[in-house]
Amino acid sequence: MLTLGEQLKQNIQREKQAAEDRAAALDQCRTEEARRNFATAKAFFDEAREFFTQGILQRKEISTLYLQVGGAHFNRTNDAHSAFAEVLGVYDYRNGDIRQGPASLYNPRKLESLWLEFQKWATENDLRVFWTEASDGAGMESWWVLRIEAN
């Protein structure tokens, strides 16, 4: 039979182990989420590179050479790159959450390497890529637009 002191020590050890297990599980979730976010962003920038390249080669009007990120609810675009919008962060009236938007690309632990790689591709091709903000004009939803122009 354990003394009260021994039982207390065991209880403390169990609580400590449970806390460590919770922390490890949380770290694992964050790692998996970071991997998914990175893959989503990489897919977006790969698609953007192809979209802009093909648009220029096919001599599409410059006014059509942009990619919208977010804003599908009111803007009714077929592909608002919603998965990337979640990673990037957009304003959505449904949750009232205003996030950083493209500024989040400059977080080195997140997506900076992909953004810098994309900018390097643009520079090597005598292009400039940049973000502009757009909204529905009623304060309900906003989104980001990735645009391109010749240097």
N, C-alpha and C. Protein backbone atom coordinates (compact mmCIF):
# COMPACT_ATOMS: atom_id res chain seq x y z
N MET A 1 0.84 -1.17 0.00
CA MET A 1 0.00 0.00 0.00
C MET A 1 0.89 1.24 0.00
N LEU A 2 0.51 2.20 -0.85
CA LEU A 2 1.28 3.44 -0.97
C LEU A 2 0.88 4.42 0.12
N THR A 3 1.88 5.17 0.54
CA THR A 3 1.58 6.24 1.49
C THR A 3 0.96 7.40 0.72
N LEU A 4 0.36 8.31 1.43
CA LEU A 4 -0.22 9.49 0.78
C LEU A 4 0.84 10.28 0.01
N GLY A 5 2.01 10.39 0.57
CA GLY A 5 3.11 11.10 -0.09
C GLY A 5 3.49 10.43 -1.40
N GLU A 6 3.56 9.09 -1.42
CA GLU A 6 3.90 8.35 -2.63
C GLU A 6 2.79 8.50 -3.67
N GLN A 7 1.53 8.45 -3.21
CA GLN A 7 0.41 8.63 -4.14
C GLN A 7 0.44 10.04 -4.74
N LEU A 8 0.75 11.02 -3.92
CA LEU A 8 0.85 12.40 -4.40
C LEU A 8 1.94 12.52 -5.45
N LYS A 9 3.10 11.91 -5.21
CA LYS A 9 4.20 11.93 -6.18
C LYS A 9 3.77 11.28 -7.50
N GLN A 10 3.05 10.16 -7.42
CA GLN A 10 2.57 9.49 -8.63
C GLN A 10 1.58 10.39 -9.38
N ASN A 11 0.68 11.02 -8.62
CA ASN A 11 -0.28 11.93 -9.25
C ASN A 11 0.42 13.08 -9.97
N ILE A 12 1.43 13.63 -9.31
CA ILE A 12 2.20 14.73 -9.91
C ILE A 12 2.91 14.23 -11.17
N GLN A 13 3.50 13.04 -11.10
CA GLN A 13 4.19 12.47 -12.26
C GLN A 13 3.21 12.23 -13.42
N ARG A 14 2.01 11.71 -13.12
CA ARG A 14 0.99 11.47 -14.16
C ARG A 14 0.56 12.79 -14.81
N GLU A 15 0.35 13.82 -13.99
CA GLU A 15 -0.04 15.12 -14.52
C GLU A 15 1.06 15.71 -15.39
N LYS A 16 2.29 15.55 -14.95
CA LYS A 16 3.43 16.06 -15.73
C LYS A 16 3.53 15.32 -17.07
N GLN A 17 3.36 14.01 -17.06
CA GLN A 17 3.42 13.21 -18.28
C GLN A 17 2.26 13.58 -19.22
N ALA A 18 1.08 13.78 -18.65
CA ALA A 18 -0.08 14.17 -19.47
C ALA A 18 0.16 15.53 -20.14
N ALA A 19 0.74 16.46 -19.42
CA ALA A 19 1.05 17.78 -19.98
C ALA A 19 2.08 17.66 -21.10
N GLU A 20 3.09 16.83 -20.90
CA GLU A 20 4.11 16.62 -21.93
C GLU A 20 3.49 15.97 -23.17
N ASP A 21 2.60 15.01 -22.95
CA ASP A 21 1.93 14.35 -24.07
C ASP A 21 1.06 15.34 -24.85
N ARG A 22 0.35 16.21 -24.14
CA ARG A 22 -0.48 17.22 -24.81
C ARG A 22 0.39 18.18 -25.62
N ALA A 23 1.52 18.59 -25.05
CA ALA A 23 2.43 19.51 -25.75
C ALA A 23 2.99 18.84 -27.00
N ALA A 24 3.36 17.58 -26.89
CA ALA A 24 3.90 16.85 -28.05
C ALA A 24 2.83 16.71 -29.14
N ALA A 25 1.61 16.42 -28.73
CA ALA A 25 0.52 16.29 -29.71
C ALA A 25 0.26 17.63 -30.40
N LEU A 26 0.30 18.72 -29.66
CA LEU A 26 0.10 20.05 -30.23
C LEU A 26 1.22 20.39 -31.21
N ASP A 27 2.46 20.09 -30.84
CA ASP A 27 3.59 20.33 -31.74
C ASP A 27 3.42 19.54 -33.03
N GLN A 28 2.97 18.30 -32.93
CA GLN A 28 2.76 17.46 -34.11
C GLN A 28 1.69 18.06 -35.00
N CYS A 29 0.61 18.55 -34.41
CA CYS A 29 -0.46 19.19 -35.20
C CYS A 29 0.08 20.41 -35.92
N ARG A 30 0.85 21.22 -35.21
CA ARG A 30 1.42 22.42 -35.83
C ARG A 30 2.35 22.06 -36.97
N THR A 31 3.14 21.02 -36.80
CA THR A 31 4.05 20.59 -37.85
C THR A 31 3.28 20.11 -39.07
N GLU A 32 2.25 19.30 -38.85
CA GLU A 32 1.44 18.82 -39.97
C GLU A 32 0.72 19.98 -40.66
N GLU A 33 0.20 20.92 -39.89
CA GLU A 33 -0.47 22.08 -40.47
C GLU A 33 0.52 22.91 -41.27
N ALA A 34 1.72 23.10 -40.75
CA ALA A 34 2.74 23.86 -41.46
C ALA A 34 3.11 23.18 -42.78
N ARG A 35 3.21 21.86 -42.75
CA ARG A 35 3.52 21.12 -43.98
C ARG A 35 2.40 21.28 -45.01
N ARG A 36 1.14 21.17 -44.55
CA ARG A 36 -0.01 21.34 -45.46
C ARG A 36 -0.03 22.76 -46.02
N ASN A 37 0.18 23.75 -45.16
CA ASN A 37 0.18 25.14 -45.62
C ASN A 37 1.28 25.39 -46.64
N PHE A 38 2.46 24.84 -46.39
CA PHE A 38 3.58 25.02 -47.32
C PHE A 38 3.24 24.37 -48.67
N ALA A 39 2.68 23.16 -48.64
CA ALA A 39 2.31 22.48 -49.89
C ALA A 39 1.24 23.25 -50.65
N THR A 40 0.27 23.80 -49.93
CA THR A 40 -0.79 24.59 -50.55
C THR A 40 -0.20 25.84 -51.21
N ALA A 41 0.69 26.53 -50.50
CA ALA A 41 1.31 27.73 -51.04
C ALA A 41 2.20 27.39 -52.24
N LYS A 42 2.94 26.32 -52.14
CA LYS A 42 3.80 25.91 -53.26
C LYS A 42 2.97 25.63 -54.50
N ALA A 43 1.87 24.92 -54.32
CA ALA A 43 0.98 24.62 -55.46
C ALA A 43 0.44 25.91 -56.07
N PHE A 44 0.07 26.88 -55.22
CA PHE A 44 -0.43 28.15 -55.74
C PHE A 44 0.64 28.86 -56.56
N PHE A 45 1.86 28.98 -56.03
CA PHE A 45 2.90 29.70 -56.76
C PHE A 45 3.32 28.96 -58.03
N ASP A 46 3.30 27.62 -58.01
CA ASP A 46 3.58 26.86 -59.23
C ASP A 46 2.51 27.15 -60.28
N GLU A 47 1.25 27.16 -59.84
CA GLU A 47 0.14 27.46 -60.74
C GLU A 47 0.25 28.90 -61.26
N ALA A 48 0.61 29.83 -60.39
CA ALA A 48 0.74 31.23 -60.80
C ALA A 48 1.83 31.39 -61.86
N ARG A 49 2.95 30.73 -61.64
CA ARG A 49 4.05 30.80 -62.61
C ARG A 49 3.58 30.30 -63.98
N GLU A 50 2.87 29.18 -64.00
CA GLU A 50 2.36 28.62 -65.24
C GLU A 50 1.29 29.52 -65.86
N PHE A 51 0.39 30.04 -65.03
CA PHE A 51 -0.68 30.92 -65.50
C PHE A 51 -0.11 32.16 -66.18
N PHE A 52 0.83 32.82 -65.52
CA PHE A 52 1.41 34.03 -66.10
C PHE A 52 2.22 33.72 -67.35
N THR A 53 3.00 32.65 -67.31
CA THR A 53 3.80 32.26 -68.48
C THR A 53 2.90 32.01 -69.68
N GLN A 54 1.88 31.17 -69.50
CA GLN A 54 0.98 30.85 -70.61
C GLN A 54 0.20 32.08 -71.08
N GLY A 55 -0.22 32.90 -70.14
CA GLY A 55 -0.95 34.11 -70.52
C GLY A 55 -0.12 35.04 -71.38
N ILE A 56 1.14 35.20 -71.04
CA ILE A 56 2.03 36.06 -71.83
C ILE A 56 2.30 35.43 -73.19
N LEU A 57 2.60 34.14 -73.21
CA LEU A 57 2.89 33.46 -74.48
C LEU A 57 1.68 33.44 -75.40
N GLN A 58 0.49 33.37 -74.83
CA GLN A 58 -0.74 33.37 -75.63
C GLN A 58 -1.26 34.78 -75.91
N ARG A 59 -0.48 35.77 -75.51
CA ARG A 59 -0.79 37.18 -75.75
C ARG A 59 -2.15 37.60 -75.21
N LYS A 60 -2.45 37.13 -74.01
CA LYS A 60 -3.70 37.54 -73.38
C LYS A 60 -3.61 38.99 -72.94
N GLU A 61 -4.76 39.64 -72.85
CA GLU A 61 -4.79 41.04 -72.41
C GLU A 61 -4.23 41.13 -71.00
N ILE A 62 -3.46 42.17 -70.76
CA ILE A 62 -2.83 42.35 -69.45
C ILE A 62 -3.89 42.46 -68.35
N SER A 63 -5.05 42.99 -68.70
CA SER A 63 -6.10 43.14 -67.68
C SER A 63 -6.62 41.79 -67.17
N THR A 64 -6.35 40.72 -67.92
CA THR A 64 -6.80 39.40 -67.49
C THR A 64 -5.70 38.61 -66.78
N LEU A 65 -4.50 39.18 -66.72
CA LEU A 65 -3.38 38.46 -66.11
C LEU A 65 -3.28 38.77 -64.62
N TYR A 66 -4.15 38.16 -63.86
CA TYR A 66 -4.12 38.29 -62.41
C TYR A 66 -4.73 37.05 -61.80
N LEU A 67 -4.40 36.80 -60.55
CA LEU A 67 -4.98 35.69 -59.80
C LEU A 67 -5.60 36.24 -58.53
N GLN A 68 -6.85 35.92 -58.31
CA GLN A 68 -7.55 36.36 -57.12
C GLN A 68 -7.36 35.32 -56.01
N VAL A 69 -7.11 35.81 -54.80
CA VAL A 69 -6.96 34.93 -53.64
C VAL A 69 -7.99 35.34 -52.60
N GLY A 70 -8.99 34.51 -52.42
CA GLY A 70 -10.07 34.80 -51.49
C GLY A 70 -11.20 35.54 -52.18
N GLY A 71 -12.24 35.85 -51.41
CA GLY A 71 -13.35 36.64 -51.93
C GLY A 71 -14.36 35.89 -52.77
N ALA A 72 -14.42 34.59 -52.64
CA ALA A 72 -15.34 33.82 -53.48
C ALA A 72 -16.79 34.01 -53.10
N HIS A 73 -17.08 34.40 -51.87
CA HIS A 73 -18.46 34.48 -51.43
C HIS A 73 -19.26 35.54 -52.20
N PHE A 74 -18.76 36.75 -52.26
CA PHE A 74 -19.48 37.82 -52.95
C PHE A 74 -19.02 38.01 -54.38
N ASN A 75 -17.77 37.77 -54.64
CA ASN A 75 -17.23 38.02 -55.97
C ASN A 75 -17.62 36.93 -56.96
N ARG A 76 -18.03 35.79 -56.47
CA ARG A 76 -18.52 34.68 -57.28
C ARG A 76 -17.52 34.22 -58.34
N THR A 77 -16.26 34.29 -58.03
CA THR A 77 -15.26 33.80 -58.97
C THR A 77 -15.24 32.28 -58.94
N ASN A 78 -14.93 31.68 -60.07
CA ASN A 78 -14.90 30.21 -60.13
C ASN A 78 -13.79 29.64 -59.26
N ASP A 79 -12.64 30.28 -59.29
CA ASP A 79 -11.52 29.77 -58.50
C ASP A 79 -10.87 30.92 -57.77
N ALA A 80 -11.21 31.06 -56.53
CA ALA A 80 -10.63 32.13 -55.71
C ALA A 80 -9.43 31.62 -54.92
N HIS A 81 -8.93 30.44 -55.30
CA HIS A 81 -7.79 29.86 -54.60
C HIS A 81 -8.05 29.86 -53.09
N SER A 82 -9.19 29.30 -52.75
CA SER A 82 -9.65 29.36 -51.36
C SER A 82 -8.71 28.70 -50.37
N ALA A 83 -8.10 27.60 -50.77
CA ALA A 83 -7.17 26.92 -49.84
C ALA A 83 -5.98 27.83 -49.55
N PHE A 84 -5.45 28.48 -50.58
CA PHE A 84 -4.33 29.39 -50.37
C PHE A 84 -4.78 30.63 -49.61
N ALA A 85 -6.02 31.07 -49.86
CA ALA A 85 -6.56 32.22 -49.13
C ALA A 85 -6.57 31.95 -47.64
N GLU A 86 -6.89 30.73 -47.26
CA GLU A 86 -6.88 30.36 -45.84
C GLU A 86 -5.47 30.45 -45.27
N VAL A 87 -4.50 30.01 -46.03
CA VAL A 87 -3.10 30.06 -45.58
C VAL A 87 -2.63 31.51 -45.52
N LEU A 88 -2.97 32.27 -46.55
CA LEU A 88 -2.52 33.65 -46.66
C LEU A 88 -3.23 34.55 -45.67
N GLY A 89 -4.52 34.35 -45.53
CA GLY A 89 -5.32 35.17 -44.62
C GLY A 89 -6.05 36.26 -45.38
N VAL A 90 -7.36 36.25 -45.29
CA VAL A 90 -8.20 37.28 -45.92
C VAL A 90 -9.28 37.68 -44.93
N TYR A 91 -9.96 38.76 -45.22
CA TYR A 91 -11.06 39.18 -44.37
C TYR A 91 -12.33 38.49 -44.82
N ASP A 92 -13.08 37.98 -43.89
CA ASP A 92 -14.34 37.31 -44.19
C ASP A 92 -15.36 37.77 -43.16
N TYR A 93 -16.44 38.35 -43.62
CA TYR A 93 -17.44 38.88 -42.70
C TYR A 93 -18.02 37.80 -41.79
N ARG A 94 -17.98 36.55 -42.24
CA ARG A 94 -18.60 35.48 -41.47
C ARG A 94 -17.90 35.24 -40.14
N ASN A 95 -16.61 35.52 -40.08
CA ASN A 95 -15.93 35.35 -38.78
C ASN A 95 -15.31 36.65 -38.29
N GLY A 96 -15.41 37.71 -39.07
CA GLY A 96 -14.91 39.01 -38.65
C GLY A 96 -13.42 39.05 -38.41
N ASP A 97 -12.71 38.15 -39.05
CA ASP A 97 -11.29 38.00 -38.78
C ASP A 97 -10.48 38.74 -39.85
N ILE A 98 -9.73 39.75 -39.44
CA ILE A 98 -8.85 40.44 -40.37
C ILE A 98 -7.45 39.93 -40.13
N ARG A 99 -6.89 39.30 -41.12
CA ARG A 99 -5.55 38.73 -40.99
C ARG A 99 -4.55 39.57 -41.76
N GLN A 100 -3.33 39.11 -41.77
CA GLN A 100 -2.24 39.89 -42.35
C GLN A 100 -2.25 39.95 -43.87
N GLY A 101 -2.85 38.99 -44.53
CA GLY A 101 -2.78 38.95 -45.98
C GLY A 101 -1.36 38.68 -46.44
N PRO A 102 -0.93 39.27 -47.57
CA PRO A 102 0.39 38.97 -48.10
C PRO A 102 1.54 39.26 -47.14
N ALA A 103 1.33 40.08 -46.12
CA ALA A 103 2.40 40.31 -45.15
C ALA A 103 2.82 39.00 -44.49
N SER A 104 1.90 38.03 -44.43
CA SER A 104 2.26 36.76 -43.81
C SER A 104 3.27 36.00 -44.65
N LEU A 105 3.46 36.39 -45.90
CA LEU A 105 4.48 35.74 -46.73
C LEU A 105 5.88 36.02 -46.23
N TYR A 106 6.03 37.07 -45.44
CA TYR A 106 7.37 37.46 -45.00
C TYR A 106 7.76 36.83 -43.67
N ASN A 107 6.96 35.90 -43.20
CA ASN A 107 7.31 35.17 -41.99
C ASN A 107 8.21 34.03 -42.44
N PRO A 108 9.51 34.09 -42.11
CA PRO A 108 10.45 33.08 -42.62
C PRO A 108 10.06 31.65 -42.26
N ARG A 109 9.36 31.47 -41.16
CA ARG A 109 8.98 30.11 -40.79
C ARG A 109 7.80 29.62 -41.60
N LYS A 110 7.20 30.51 -42.35
CA LYS A 110 6.01 30.11 -43.11
C LYS A 110 6.33 29.99 -44.59
N LEU A 111 6.20 31.08 -45.31
CA LEU A 111 6.17 31.01 -46.76
C LEU A 111 7.18 31.89 -47.47
N GLU A 112 8.04 32.54 -46.72
CA GLU A 112 8.94 33.50 -47.33
C GLU A 112 9.79 32.89 -48.45
N SER A 113 10.27 31.68 -48.25
CA SER A 113 11.13 31.07 -49.28
C SER A 113 10.37 30.90 -50.60
N LEU A 114 9.10 30.55 -50.52
CA LEU A 114 8.31 30.38 -51.74
C LEU A 114 8.07 31.71 -52.43
N TRP A 115 7.75 32.73 -51.66
CA TRP A 115 7.51 34.06 -52.22
C TRP A 115 8.80 34.60 -52.85
N LEU A 116 9.92 34.45 -52.17
CA LEU A 116 11.19 34.93 -52.71
C LEU A 116 11.57 34.17 -53.99
N GLU A 117 11.30 32.89 -54.01
CA GLU A 117 11.56 32.08 -55.20
C GLU A 117 10.69 32.55 -56.36
N PHE A 118 9.44 32.87 -56.07
CA PHE A 118 8.52 33.35 -57.10
C PHE A 118 8.97 34.72 -57.62
N GLN A 119 9.37 35.60 -56.71
CA GLN A 119 9.89 36.91 -57.12
C GLN A 119 11.16 36.77 -57.96
N LYS A 120 12.00 35.83 -57.59
CA LYS A 120 13.23 35.58 -58.36
C LYS A 120 12.89 35.15 -59.78
N TRP A 121 11.92 34.23 -59.91
CA TRP A 121 11.48 33.80 -61.23
C TRP A 121 11.00 35.01 -62.04
N ALA A 122 10.22 35.87 -61.42
CA ALA A 122 9.70 37.05 -62.11
C ALA A 122 10.83 37.97 -62.56
N THR A 123 11.76 38.23 -61.65
CA THR A 123 12.89 39.11 -61.97
C THR A 123 13.72 38.54 -63.11
N GLU A 124 13.97 37.23 -63.06
CA GLU A 124 14.74 36.58 -64.13
C GLU A 124 14.04 36.68 -65.48
N ASN A 125 12.73 36.88 -65.46
CA ASN A 125 11.96 36.99 -66.70
C ASN A 125 11.54 38.43 -66.98
N ASP A 126 12.24 39.37 -66.35
CA ASP A 126 12.01 40.79 -66.54
C ASP A 126 10.56 41.19 -66.22
N LEU A 127 10.04 40.60 -65.15
CA LEU A 127 8.68 40.87 -64.71
C LEU A 127 8.70 41.36 -63.27
N ARG A 128 7.62 42.00 -62.88
CA ARG A 128 7.43 42.41 -61.48
C ARG A 128 6.08 41.87 -61.04
N VAL A 129 6.08 41.17 -59.91
CA VAL A 129 4.83 40.66 -59.35
C VAL A 129 4.52 41.47 -58.09
N PHE A 130 3.23 41.70 -57.87
CA PHE A 130 2.84 42.49 -56.70
C PHE A 130 1.41 42.15 -56.32
N TRP A 131 1.07 42.46 -55.08
CA TRP A 131 -0.26 42.21 -54.55
C TRP A 131 -1.04 43.52 -54.50
N THR A 132 -2.33 43.44 -54.80
CA THR A 132 -3.23 44.56 -54.55
C THR A 132 -4.41 44.01 -53.75
N GLU A 133 -5.00 44.89 -52.97
CA GLU A 133 -6.15 44.48 -52.18
C GLU A 133 -7.42 44.89 -52.91
N ALA A 134 -8.45 44.06 -52.82
CA ALA A 134 -9.75 44.36 -53.43
C ALA A 134 -10.83 44.00 -52.42
N SER A 135 -12.00 44.57 -52.61
CA SER A 135 -13.09 44.27 -51.68
C SER A 135 -14.43 44.41 -52.38
N ASP A 136 -15.47 43.98 -51.67
CA ASP A 136 -16.81 44.08 -52.22
C ASP A 136 -17.38 45.49 -52.07
N GLY A 137 -16.66 46.38 -51.39
CA GLY A 137 -17.09 47.76 -51.22
C GLY A 137 -18.10 47.97 -50.11
N ALA A 138 -18.52 46.89 -49.47
CA ALA A 138 -19.51 47.01 -48.40
C ALA A 138 -18.94 46.59 -47.04
N GLY A 139 -17.67 46.31 -47.01
CA GLY A 139 -17.04 45.92 -45.75
C GLY A 139 -17.35 44.50 -45.32
N MET A 140 -17.88 43.71 -46.23
CA MET A 140 -18.24 42.34 -45.89
C MET A 140 -17.10 41.37 -46.20
N GLU A 141 -16.36 41.62 -47.26
CA GLU A 141 -15.34 40.67 -47.67
C GLU A 141 -14.27 41.41 -48.48
N SER A 142 -13.05 40.99 -48.29
CA SER A 142 -11.97 41.52 -49.13
C SER A 142 -11.10 40.35 -49.56
N TRP A 143 -10.28 40.59 -50.55
CA TRP A 143 -9.41 39.54 -51.06
C TRP A 143 -8.16 40.19 -51.60
N TRP A 144 -7.22 39.35 -52.00
CA TRP A 144 -5.95 39.82 -52.54
C TRP A 144 -5.86 39.40 -54.00
N VAL A 145 -5.20 40.23 -54.79
CA VAL A 145 -5.02 39.95 -56.20
C VAL A 145 -3.53 39.99 -56.50
N LEU A 146 -3.04 38.91 -57.09
CA LEU A 146 -1.64 38.85 -57.51
C LEU A 146 -1.58 39.29 -58.96
N ARG A 147 -0.81 40.33 -59.19
CA ARG A 147 -0.71 40.90 -60.54
C ARG A 147 0.74 40.85 -61.04
N ILE A 148 0.89 41.08 -62.31
CA ILE A 148 2.20 41.02 -62.93
C ILE A 148 2.31 42.16 -63.95
N GLU A 149 3.51 42.67 -64.10
CA GLU A 149 3.76 43.67 -65.13
C GLU A 149 5.21 43.54 -65.60
N ALA A 150 5.49 44.13 -66.75
CA ALA A 150 6.86 44.12 -67.26
C ALA A 150 7.69 45.12 -66.49
N ASN A 151 8.93 44.77 -66.25
CA ASN A 151 9.85 45.70 -65.58
C ASN A 151 10.23 46.85 -66.50
